[in-house]
Amino acid sequence: MSTKAEWAELFESVHGRKPSPQEFLDAKAADFDTSALIAQAASVDAPAKEPATEETPAAQVVSDTEEVAQEDDIADVAETAEDAVAEQVSNESPFGTAAFPEAPSQQPTPQFDSSMFEKASIPTTQGFGAVPNPAPSSADKPVFNLILPIVAIALSVIFAILSWFVSPAWLFIILTVLALALAMVSLIFSLKSSKKLLSIIATAVAGVMLLVSIGGLIFQISQNSNDNAGSSKTSKVADKDDEDDDSDSKSDSKSNSKSNSKSDSKSDSKGDSTDVNDYIDKNAKFDWNESKFKKLKAGKDSAKSIMKTYGKASDAQMSGDDLSMTYSGKDYSEHVYLTFKKQYDGTFILSHASGNFPTDAVQTDDSYKSDWTKEQFDALNKGDYSNPSNGTKLEDILKDHPKASNAEYTISTVREGEFKKELSVSYNDFKAEDGKLKSVYLSFDTTEDGDTFYLTYKSGPDGD
């Protein structure tokens, strides 16, 4: 073990410079062990020694004086290094030099690093042990993960439904897209939140509703095209069975059609007219028969297209969204009654039609004489409206009663291609001889798409 002066002298002789404060502090911690310096000095070739010469006493005195001065300089360097180390530690420590008293000379001095204090430093505003509170995130706000998703779901469903029934459908497609964008905004702001499930659901529902609204647009386009096609077909109906009609009747029908076309053209852009007078012609002639009636298409034909073909009605009534038109013939046995429903686009479409026409199925005689007995009347079997075939056939009744006082034939339709036929026959002779019935009323129906009439209702003089 050496003194600090010896160590400093040896260090300067080896390295050619004075030790730094840190190097001095390290050497002090090792109790100024010179073994490492000696080893370094041994590795360097020592310079050749000059022959010893006698020194004069004066030279010896000078040499001794220089040696003492050199030792004093080394001691000053050591003390300066110690002061520098102490000052460095004092500056780096937040507690000052008093917190680190000098260790005993026999104890190794610990090395201090300023990074230790930098790592341990804590902001004075929070104090020791304080945990900073995280700033509130916008992802956890209810407006993004609760309110916006619910609003987006509600709006997208409403707009999708309206696109099927209200025109124009493209407007509701745009509104549905906006609802989808609202749902996507809520999802974006909720991605970092644990409550983003509702936003995901809202985005999915809004996307499905967008497809539904597009379907509504397609549906409305197809409906409009069907209506236009139906109107076009009806307007081109030609009746081959009426080739023998007189030319005056045809010319009147054409003139009515032209006048109707002029009247109808005023309302083409805004749907059918709601003025009932636009459907009435007091001078209209009855130009219907069963063959023409069977060309009607319930659910497709419009009031406008029917007037173009058959002219205006002799009478018409309008109530709310319902329009009824009546074509009257020379008596009650000839008339056509049509009912129309107003559509979303303002067009009146045929919903029900019935027509009364003369029939050759039963011969009538204004001077009818009763040929019915009570026993014959009671022997008749009645079918029901769901299965008319259980009733007595008309042809069997006509064998014993070929003529009647009156007969009315009715045909009706409520669906395209389906027609129901009914026949009512009256036998009236209020001056009937004894044993004969004065009045008999019979009603017949046919099976679906059939031509055979079956008895479904009977009424005698006593209300049987």
Protein backbone atom coordinates (compact mmCIF):
# COMPACT_ATOMS: atom_id res chain seq x y z
CA MET A 1 0.00 0.00 0.00
CA SER A 2 1.36 3.43 -0.99
CA THR A 3 0.49 6.95 -0.10
CA LYS A 4 -1.51 9.10 -2.41
CA ALA A 5 1.57 11.15 -3.24
CA GLU A 6 3.50 8.09 -4.26
CA TRP A 7 0.64 6.79 -6.32
CA ALA A 8 0.20 10.16 -8.08
CA GLU A 9 3.92 10.33 -8.83
CA LEU A 10 3.93 6.82 -10.24
CA PHE A 11 0.78 7.51 -12.32
CA GLU A 12 2.35 10.65 -13.83
CA SER A 13 5.57 8.82 -14.64
CA VAL A 14 3.65 6.05 -16.41
CA HIS A 15 1.01 8.07 -18.30
CA GLY A 16 2.87 11.35 -18.68
CA ARG A 17 -0.05 13.34 -17.29
CA LYS A 18 -1.78 14.03 -14.02
CA PRO A 19 -4.58 11.72 -12.91
CA SER A 20 -8.20 12.77 -13.46
CA PRO A 21 -10.53 13.15 -10.44
CA GLN A 22 -12.31 9.91 -11.35
CA GLU A 23 -9.03 8.00 -11.69
CA PHE A 24 -7.87 9.37 -8.37
CA LEU A 25 -11.16 8.35 -6.75
CA ASP A 26 -10.82 4.85 -8.19
CA ALA A 27 -7.26 4.58 -6.85
CA LYS A 28 -8.37 5.77 -3.43
CA ALA A 29 -11.07 3.08 -3.39
CA ALA A 30 -8.28 0.55 -4.08
CA ASP A 31 -6.21 2.03 -1.21
CA PHE A 32 -3.75 3.53 -3.70
CA ASP A 33 -2.57 0.13 -4.92
CA THR A 34 0.35 0.68 -7.30
CA SER A 35 0.58 -2.86 -8.63
CA ALA A 36 -1.37 -2.03 -11.76
CA LEU A 37 0.82 1.01 -12.46
CA ILE A 38 3.98 -0.98 -11.85
CA ALA A 39 2.79 -3.61 -14.32
CA GLN A 40 2.14 -0.92 -16.90
CA ALA A 41 5.55 0.60 -16.28
CA ALA A 42 7.26 -2.78 -16.67
CA SER A 43 5.66 -3.26 -20.09
CA VAL A 44 7.40 -0.13 -21.33
CA ASP A 45 11.07 -0.35 -22.12
CA ALA A 46 12.97 1.64 -19.58
CA PRO A 47 15.32 4.23 -21.12
CA ALA A 48 19.03 3.56 -20.88
CA LYS A 49 20.56 4.85 -17.69
CA GLU A 50 23.36 7.30 -18.00
CA PRO A 51 26.59 6.66 -15.99
CA ALA A 52 26.44 8.01 -12.56
CA THR A 53 28.48 11.10 -11.97
CA GLU A 54 29.46 12.79 -8.90
CA GLU A 55 27.36 15.66 -8.09
CA THR A 56 28.69 18.68 -6.41
CA PRO A 57 27.22 19.63 -3.12
CA ALA A 58 25.55 22.58 -4.76
CA ALA A 59 24.03 20.36 -7.43
CA GLN A 60 22.93 17.93 -4.75
CA VAL A 61 21.19 20.75 -2.90
CA VAL A 62 19.44 21.86 -6.09
CA SER A 63 18.35 18.28 -6.77
CA ASP A 64 16.98 17.88 -3.27
CA THR A 65 15.13 21.17 -3.58
CA GLU A 66 13.58 20.17 -6.90
CA GLU A 67 12.57 16.80 -5.49
CA VAL A 68 10.81 18.45 -2.53
CA ALA A 69 9.06 20.87 -4.87
CA GLN A 70 7.99 18.00 -7.10
CA GLU A 71 6.58 16.09 -4.12
CA ASP A 72 4.68 19.22 -3.05
CA ASP A 73 3.24 19.53 -6.56
CA ILE A 74 2.11 15.92 -6.53
CA ALA A 75 0.50 16.38 -3.12
CA ASP A 76 -1.27 19.47 -4.45
CA VAL A 77 -2.51 17.48 -7.43
CA ALA A 78 -3.81 14.74 -5.16
CA GLU A 79 -5.60 17.23 -2.94
CA THR A 80 -6.99 19.03 -5.97
CA ALA A 81 -8.27 15.68 -7.37
CA GLU A 82 -9.89 14.88 -4.01
CA ASP A 83 -11.58 18.28 -3.93
CA ALA A 84 -12.77 17.91 -7.50
CA VAL A 85 -14.24 14.48 -6.80
CA ALA A 86 -15.98 15.74 -3.69
CA GLU A 87 -17.31 18.78 -5.52
CA GLN A 88 -18.56 16.57 -8.39
CA VAL A 89 -20.39 14.27 -6.02
CA SER A 90 -21.83 17.28 -4.18
CA ASN A 91 -23.10 18.82 -7.43
CA GLU A 92 -24.65 15.58 -8.68
CA SER A 93 -26.39 14.67 -5.41
CA PRO A 94 -29.66 16.50 -4.64
CA PHE A 95 -28.93 16.22 -0.93
CA GLY A 96 -25.61 18.07 -0.80
CA THR A 97 -22.20 17.04 0.51
CA ALA A 98 -23.47 16.61 4.06
CA ALA A 99 -25.42 13.54 3.04
CA PHE A 100 -22.21 11.76 1.99
CA PRO A 101 -19.50 12.08 4.68
CA GLU A 102 -16.03 11.03 3.75
CA ALA A 103 -15.52 7.33 4.33
CA PRO A 104 -12.77 6.18 6.67
CA SER A 105 -9.44 5.80 5.02
CA GLN A 106 -9.51 2.06 5.58
CA GLN A 107 -12.94 1.63 3.86
CA PRO A 108 -13.33 1.61 0.06
CA THR A 109 -15.12 4.70 -1.16
CA PRO A 110 -18.24 3.84 -3.24
CA GLN A 111 -18.44 5.20 -6.73
CA PHE A 112 -21.29 7.55 -7.52
CA ASP A 113 -22.89 7.99 -10.91
CA SER A 114 -25.12 10.97 -11.65
CA SER A 115 -27.41 8.72 -13.75
CA MET A 116 -28.46 7.04 -10.50
CA PHE A 117 -29.98 10.28 -9.29
CA GLU A 118 -31.47 11.09 -12.71
CA LYS A 119 -33.31 7.74 -12.74
CA ALA A 120 -34.52 8.21 -9.19
CA SER A 121 -35.69 11.77 -9.75
CA ILE A 122 -39.49 12.24 -9.64
CA PRO A 123 -41.41 15.37 -10.64
CA THR A 124 -42.01 17.52 -7.59
CA THR A 125 -45.56 18.28 -8.73
CA GLN A 126 -46.66 14.68 -8.07
CA GLY A 127 -44.49 13.62 -5.15
CA PHE A 128 -43.15 10.22 -4.26
CA GLY A 129 -45.46 7.25 -5.03
CA ALA A 130 -47.94 9.35 -7.01
CA VAL A 131 -49.56 7.64 -10.03
CA PRO A 132 -50.56 10.04 -12.83
CA ASN A 133 -54.23 9.88 -13.81
CA PRO A 134 -54.76 9.00 -17.50
CA ALA A 135 -56.51 11.62 -19.60
CA PRO A 136 -60.07 10.64 -20.50
CA SER A 137 -60.33 9.08 -23.98
CA SER A 138 -62.99 10.02 -26.53
CA ALA A 139 -63.49 6.28 -27.24
CA ASP A 140 -65.19 5.83 -23.86
CA LYS A 141 -67.71 8.62 -24.37
CA PRO A 142 -71.36 7.39 -24.61
CA VAL A 143 -72.02 9.63 -27.59
CA PHE A 144 -69.78 7.39 -29.76
CA ASN A 145 -70.43 3.91 -28.35
CA LEU A 146 -74.13 4.26 -27.42
CA ILE A 147 -76.04 7.23 -28.85
CA LEU A 148 -74.69 7.29 -32.41
CA PRO A 149 -75.07 3.50 -32.98
CA ILE A 150 -78.71 3.54 -31.79
CA VAL A 151 -79.56 6.54 -33.97
CA ALA A 152 -77.86 4.92 -36.99
CA ILE A 153 -79.82 1.66 -36.55
CA ALA A 154 -83.17 3.43 -36.19
CA LEU A 155 -82.68 5.74 -39.17
CA SER A 156 -81.37 3.03 -41.52
CA VAL A 157 -84.33 0.72 -40.77
CA ILE A 158 -86.89 3.53 -41.28
CA PHE A 159 -85.35 4.70 -44.55
CA ALA A 160 -85.09 1.14 -45.91
CA ILE A 161 -88.81 0.49 -45.25
CA LEU A 162 -89.90 3.78 -46.80
CA SER A 163 -87.88 3.05 -49.96
CA TRP A 164 -90.34 0.23 -50.79
CA PHE A 165 -93.53 2.26 -50.48
CA VAL A 166 -92.72 5.95 -50.99
CA SER A 167 -91.39 7.61 -54.10
CA PRO A 168 -88.73 8.52 -55.02
CA ALA A 169 -86.86 5.50 -53.66
CA TRP A 170 -83.43 6.90 -54.54
CA LEU A 171 -83.89 9.64 -51.92
CA PHE A 172 -84.17 7.04 -49.17
CA ILE A 173 -81.12 5.20 -50.52
CA ILE A 174 -79.11 8.38 -50.01
CA LEU A 175 -80.48 8.80 -46.49
CA THR A 176 -79.61 5.16 -45.71
CA VAL A 177 -76.04 5.80 -46.90
CA LEU A 178 -75.84 8.74 -44.48
CA ALA A 179 -77.07 6.48 -41.65
CA LEU A 180 -74.36 3.96 -42.58
CA ALA A 181 -71.74 6.74 -42.49
CA LEU A 182 -72.98 7.71 -39.02
CA ALA A 183 -72.55 4.12 -37.84
CA MET A 184 -69.02 3.98 -39.28
CA VAL A 185 -68.08 7.20 -37.48
CA SER A 186 -69.23 5.71 -34.18
CA LEU A 187 -67.19 2.57 -34.91
CA ILE A 188 -64.02 4.53 -35.71
CA PHE A 189 -64.21 6.51 -32.48
CA SER A 190 -65.00 3.36 -30.48
CA LEU A 191 -62.18 1.13 -31.81
CA LYS A 192 -60.03 1.67 -28.70
CA SER A 193 -62.96 1.21 -26.35
CA SER A 194 -64.15 -2.02 -24.77
CA LYS A 195 -67.72 -0.98 -25.59
CA LYS A 196 -67.52 -1.04 -29.37
CA LEU A 197 -69.92 -4.00 -29.89
CA LEU A 198 -72.96 -1.78 -30.45
CA SER A 199 -71.06 0.27 -33.03
CA ILE A 200 -70.13 -2.92 -34.91
CA ILE A 201 -73.77 -4.06 -34.86
CA ALA A 202 -74.96 -0.64 -36.06
CA THR A 203 -72.54 -0.70 -38.99
CA ALA A 204 -73.66 -4.19 -40.00
CA VAL A 205 -77.39 -3.35 -39.74
CA ALA A 206 -76.99 -0.12 -41.70
CA GLY A 207 -75.14 -2.01 -44.43
CA VAL A 208 -77.95 -4.59 -44.70
CA MET A 209 -80.57 -1.81 -44.76
CA LEU A 210 -78.72 -0.17 -47.64
CA LEU A 211 -79.17 -3.38 -49.66
CA VAL A 212 -82.85 -3.48 -48.65
CA SER A 213 -83.39 0.11 -49.83
CA ILE A 214 -81.76 -0.73 -53.16
CA GLY A 215 -84.21 -3.61 -53.43
CA GLY A 216 -87.03 -1.13 -52.83
CA LEU A 217 -85.83 0.97 -55.77
CA ILE A 218 -85.75 -2.11 -58.00
CA PHE A 219 -89.25 -3.08 -56.84
CA GLN A 220 -90.69 0.34 -57.65
CA ILE A 221 -89.05 0.35 -61.08
CA SER A 222 -90.51 -3.09 -61.87
CA GLN A 223 -93.97 -2.02 -60.67
CA ASN A 224 -93.93 1.03 -62.91
CA SER A 225 -92.81 -1.03 -65.89
CA ASN A 226 -95.56 -3.62 -65.26
CA ASP A 227 -98.22 -0.91 -65.02
CA ASN A 228 -97.04 0.65 -68.26
CA ALA A 229 -96.95 -2.72 -70.00
CA GLY A 230 -100.44 -3.59 -68.75
CA SER A 231 -101.81 -0.28 -69.92
CA SER A 232 -100.19 -0.70 -73.31
CA LYS A 233 -101.64 -4.18 -73.77
CA THR A 234 -105.12 -3.13 -72.71
CA SER A 235 -105.11 -0.18 -75.05
CA LYS A 236 -104.46 -2.55 -77.98
CA VAL A 237 -107.35 -4.92 -77.21
CA ALA A 238 -109.34 -5.75 -80.32
CA ASP A 239 -112.62 -7.52 -80.23
CA LYS A 240 -112.99 -10.01 -83.04
CA ASP A 241 -116.50 -10.96 -81.91
CA ASP A 242 -117.86 -7.48 -82.70
CA GLU A 243 -116.99 -7.37 -86.38
CA ASP A 244 -120.71 -7.33 -87.20
CA ASP A 245 -121.48 -4.25 -85.06
CA ASP A 246 -122.82 -1.28 -86.96
CA SER A 247 -120.33 1.37 -88.10
CA ASP A 248 -122.08 4.14 -86.18
CA SER A 249 -121.33 2.45 -82.87
CA LYS A 250 -117.66 2.09 -83.80
CA SER A 251 -117.31 5.69 -84.84
CA ASP A 252 -118.88 6.86 -81.58
CA SER A 253 -116.48 4.72 -79.60
CA LYS A 254 -113.50 6.13 -81.50
CA SER A 255 -114.62 9.70 -80.94
CA ASN A 256 -115.03 9.00 -77.24
CA SER A 257 -111.58 7.49 -77.12
CA LYS A 258 -110.04 10.56 -78.72
CA SER A 259 -111.77 12.91 -76.32
CA ASN A 260 -110.70 10.73 -73.41
CA SER A 261 -107.10 10.76 -74.60
CA LYS A 262 -107.08 14.56 -74.60
CA SER A 263 -108.58 14.69 -71.14
CA ASP A 264 -106.25 12.04 -69.74
CA SER A 265 -103.12 13.65 -71.16
CA LYS A 266 -103.55 16.51 -68.71
CA SER A 267 -102.89 14.21 -65.78
CA ASP A 268 -100.20 11.90 -67.22
CA SER A 269 -97.37 13.59 -65.32
CA LYS A 270 -99.17 13.69 -61.96
CA GLY A 271 -101.17 10.46 -61.95
CA ASP A 272 -104.83 10.04 -62.84
CA SER A 273 -107.31 12.84 -62.41
CA THR A 274 -109.20 13.10 -59.13
CA ASP A 275 -112.10 15.00 -60.75
CA VAL A 276 -114.95 12.52 -61.12
CA ASN A 277 -116.34 14.48 -64.08
CA ASP A 278 -113.30 13.44 -66.12
CA TYR A 279 -114.65 9.86 -66.09
CA ILE A 280 -118.29 10.56 -67.03
CA ASP A 281 -120.00 10.92 -70.40
CA LYS A 282 -123.79 11.24 -70.12
CA ASN A 283 -124.14 10.35 -73.80
CA ALA A 284 -121.94 7.25 -73.60
CA LYS A 285 -123.19 4.16 -75.42
CA PHE A 286 -122.96 0.67 -73.96
CA ASP A 287 -120.27 -1.14 -75.94
CA TRP A 288 -119.68 -4.22 -73.80
CA ASN A 289 -120.31 -7.96 -74.05
CA GLU A 290 -119.02 -11.04 -72.27
CA SER A 291 -116.12 -11.51 -74.67
CA LYS A 292 -114.87 -7.98 -74.07
CA PHE A 293 -115.39 -8.30 -70.34
CA LYS A 294 -113.16 -11.41 -70.19
CA LYS A 295 -110.27 -9.36 -71.55
CA LEU A 296 -110.16 -7.23 -68.39
CA LYS A 297 -107.17 -7.83 -66.12
CA ALA A 298 -107.86 -7.10 -62.48
CA GLY A 299 -104.79 -5.74 -60.75
CA LYS A 300 -103.23 -4.46 -64.00
CA ASP A 301 -105.67 -2.44 -66.11
CA SER A 302 -105.90 1.25 -65.32
CA ALA A 303 -108.97 3.48 -65.52
CA LYS A 304 -107.20 5.53 -68.16
CA SER A 305 -106.48 2.54 -70.44
CA ILE A 306 -110.04 1.18 -70.12
CA MET A 307 -111.51 4.55 -71.12
CA LYS A 308 -109.24 4.61 -74.16
CA THR A 309 -110.72 1.31 -75.28
CA TYR A 310 -114.35 1.48 -74.15
CA GLY A 311 -114.91 5.20 -73.63
CA LYS A 312 -116.04 7.04 -70.53
CA ALA A 313 -118.65 5.65 -68.18
CA SER A 314 -122.24 6.78 -68.01
CA ASP A 315 -121.77 7.36 -64.29
CA ALA A 316 -118.86 7.48 -61.83
CA GLN A 317 -118.25 8.07 -58.15
CA MET A 318 -115.08 8.78 -56.16
CA SER A 319 -114.57 8.17 -52.45
CA GLY A 320 -111.09 8.62 -50.97
CA ASP A 321 -108.75 6.34 -52.91
CA ASP A 322 -111.62 4.42 -54.57
CA LEU A 323 -113.10 5.13 -58.00
CA SER A 324 -116.20 3.36 -59.33
CA MET A 325 -117.39 3.53 -62.93
CA THR A 326 -120.73 2.24 -64.28
CA TYR A 327 -121.46 1.49 -67.92
CA SER A 328 -125.26 1.18 -68.34
CA GLY A 329 -127.08 -0.46 -71.25
CA LYS A 330 -130.69 -0.30 -72.39
CA ASP A 331 -131.95 -1.89 -69.17
CA TYR A 332 -130.68 -3.33 -65.91
CA SER A 333 -129.85 -6.63 -67.61
CA GLU A 334 -126.99 -4.84 -69.38
CA HIS A 335 -124.43 -3.00 -67.31
CA VAL A 336 -120.75 -3.18 -66.28
CA TYR A 337 -119.58 -2.05 -62.87
CA LEU A 338 -115.83 -1.38 -62.33
CA THR A 339 -113.99 -0.52 -59.10
CA PHE A 340 -110.47 0.97 -59.01
CA LYS A 341 -107.90 1.48 -56.24
CA LYS A 342 -105.51 4.42 -56.27
CA GLN A 343 -101.83 3.41 -56.29
CA TYR A 344 -98.79 5.14 -54.76
CA ASP A 345 -98.07 6.87 -58.08
CA GLY A 346 -101.61 8.27 -58.36
CA THR A 347 -102.84 5.73 -60.94
CA PHE A 348 -106.25 4.07 -60.55
CA ILE A 349 -105.88 0.28 -61.08
CA LEU A 350 -108.82 -2.11 -61.56
CA SER A 351 -109.53 -4.12 -58.40
CA HIS A 352 -113.02 -5.57 -59.11
CA ALA A 353 -115.30 -5.87 -62.11
CA SER A 354 -118.75 -7.31 -62.62
CA GLY A 355 -120.99 -7.35 -65.66
CA ASN A 356 -124.62 -8.28 -66.36
CA PHE A 357 -125.33 -9.59 -69.84
CA PRO A 358 -128.22 -11.31 -71.61
CA THR A 359 -127.87 -15.09 -71.74
CA ASP A 360 -129.05 -17.85 -74.02
CA ALA A 361 -128.88 -20.43 -71.23
CA VAL A 362 -132.53 -19.79 -70.29
CA GLN A 363 -135.38 -18.68 -72.50
CA THR A 364 -137.65 -15.99 -71.10
CA ASP A 365 -141.33 -15.30 -71.74
CA ASP A 366 -143.15 -12.21 -70.55
CA SER A 367 -146.43 -14.18 -70.57
CA TYR A 368 -145.04 -17.03 -68.48
CA LYS A 369 -147.62 -19.43 -66.99
CA SER A 370 -146.58 -21.22 -63.81
CA ASP A 371 -145.57 -24.86 -64.18
CA TRP A 372 -144.11 -25.39 -60.68
CA THR A 373 -145.62 -27.55 -57.98
CA LYS A 374 -144.71 -27.70 -54.32
CA GLU A 375 -143.33 -31.21 -54.71
CA GLN A 376 -141.04 -30.16 -57.56
CA PHE A 377 -139.74 -27.21 -55.60
CA ASP A 378 -139.04 -29.31 -52.50
CA ALA A 379 -137.16 -31.90 -54.56
CA LEU A 380 -134.46 -29.38 -55.53
CA ASN A 381 -131.04 -29.81 -53.89
CA LYS A 382 -128.93 -26.81 -52.91
CA GLY A 383 -125.18 -26.77 -53.10
CA ASP A 384 -122.97 -24.31 -51.21
CA TYR A 385 -120.75 -21.54 -52.49
CA SER A 386 -117.54 -23.43 -51.69
CA ASN A 387 -118.76 -26.54 -53.58
CA PRO A 388 -121.67 -25.73 -55.92
CA SER A 389 -121.59 -29.18 -57.55
CA ASN A 390 -123.76 -30.58 -54.73
CA GLY A 391 -126.74 -28.65 -56.11
CA THR A 392 -129.21 -29.62 -58.81
CA LYS A 393 -127.96 -28.85 -62.32
CA LEU A 394 -129.67 -26.13 -64.34
CA GLU A 395 -130.05 -28.40 -67.32
CA ASP A 396 -132.07 -30.88 -65.21
CA ILE A 397 -134.43 -28.12 -64.09
CA LEU A 398 -134.91 -26.81 -67.62
CA LYS A 399 -136.24 -30.21 -68.71
CA ASP A 400 -139.43 -29.59 -66.73
CA HIS A 401 -139.36 -25.78 -66.77
CA PRO A 402 -137.83 -24.64 -70.09
CA LYS A 403 -139.06 -21.04 -69.91
CA ALA A 404 -138.86 -18.44 -67.15
CA SER A 405 -140.26 -14.98 -66.68
CA ASN A 406 -136.77 -13.46 -66.17
CA ALA A 407 -133.07 -14.51 -66.18
CA GLU A 408 -129.96 -12.51 -65.30
CA TYR A 409 -126.41 -13.59 -66.06
CA THR A 410 -123.50 -12.07 -64.11
CA ILE A 411 -119.76 -12.51 -64.56
CA SER A 412 -117.18 -11.03 -62.16
CA THR A 413 -113.43 -11.00 -61.51
CA VAL A 414 -111.07 -9.87 -58.76
CA ARG A 415 -107.90 -11.53 -60.08
CA GLU A 416 -106.36 -11.66 -63.51
CA GLY A 417 -107.54 -14.68 -65.50
CA GLU A 418 -110.16 -15.80 -62.93
CA PHE A 419 -113.86 -15.24 -63.58
CA LYS A 420 -116.90 -16.25 -61.57
CA LYS A 421 -120.25 -16.86 -63.32
CA GLU A 422 -123.65 -16.60 -61.67
CA LEU A 423 -127.18 -17.00 -62.97
CA SER A 424 -130.47 -16.03 -61.34
CA VAL A 425 -133.79 -17.28 -62.75
CA SER A 426 -137.25 -16.05 -61.74
CA TYR A 427 -140.57 -17.80 -62.38
CA ASN A 428 -143.43 -15.37 -61.60
CA ASP A 429 -147.14 -15.90 -62.32
CA PHE A 430 -149.32 -14.17 -59.78
CA LYS A 431 -152.47 -15.52 -61.48
CA ALA A 432 -151.34 -19.13 -61.33
CA GLU A 433 -154.01 -21.80 -61.23
CA ASP A 434 -154.62 -23.86 -58.16
CA GLY A 435 -151.83 -26.31 -57.29
CA LYS A 436 -149.19 -24.19 -59.05
CA LEU A 437 -146.64 -21.91 -57.34
CA LYS A 438 -146.97 -18.20 -58.06
CA SER A 439 -143.28 -17.36 -57.54
CA VAL A 440 -140.03 -19.31 -57.63
CA TYR A 441 -136.56 -17.76 -57.46
CA LEU A 442 -133.44 -19.84 -58.21
CA SER A 443 -129.75 -18.87 -58.08
CA PHE A 444 -126.92 -20.84 -59.74
CA ASP A 445 -123.11 -20.82 -59.56
CA THR A 446 -120.41 -22.58 -61.55
CA THR A 447 -117.30 -24.34 -60.34
CA GLU A 448 -113.97 -22.63 -60.92
CA ASP A 449 -113.45 -22.01 -64.65
CA GLY A 450 -116.51 -24.20 -65.38
CA ASP A 451 -119.58 -23.62 -67.51
CA THR A 452 -122.08 -25.89 -65.74
CA PHE A 453 -124.52 -24.12 -63.41
CA TYR A 454 -125.48 -25.70 -60.07
CA LEU A 455 -128.29 -24.59 -57.76
CA THR A 456 -126.97 -22.74 -54.67
CA TYR A 457 -130.11 -20.91 -53.52
CA LYS A 458 -133.90 -21.31 -53.91
CA SER A 459 -136.87 -19.29 -52.71
CA GLY A 460 -140.59 -20.11 -52.98
CA PRO A 461 -143.80 -18.29 -52.19
CA ASP A 462 -143.47 -19.03 -48.50
CA GLY A 463 -139.82 -17.97 -48.30
CA ASP A 464 -138.54 -21.56 -48.41
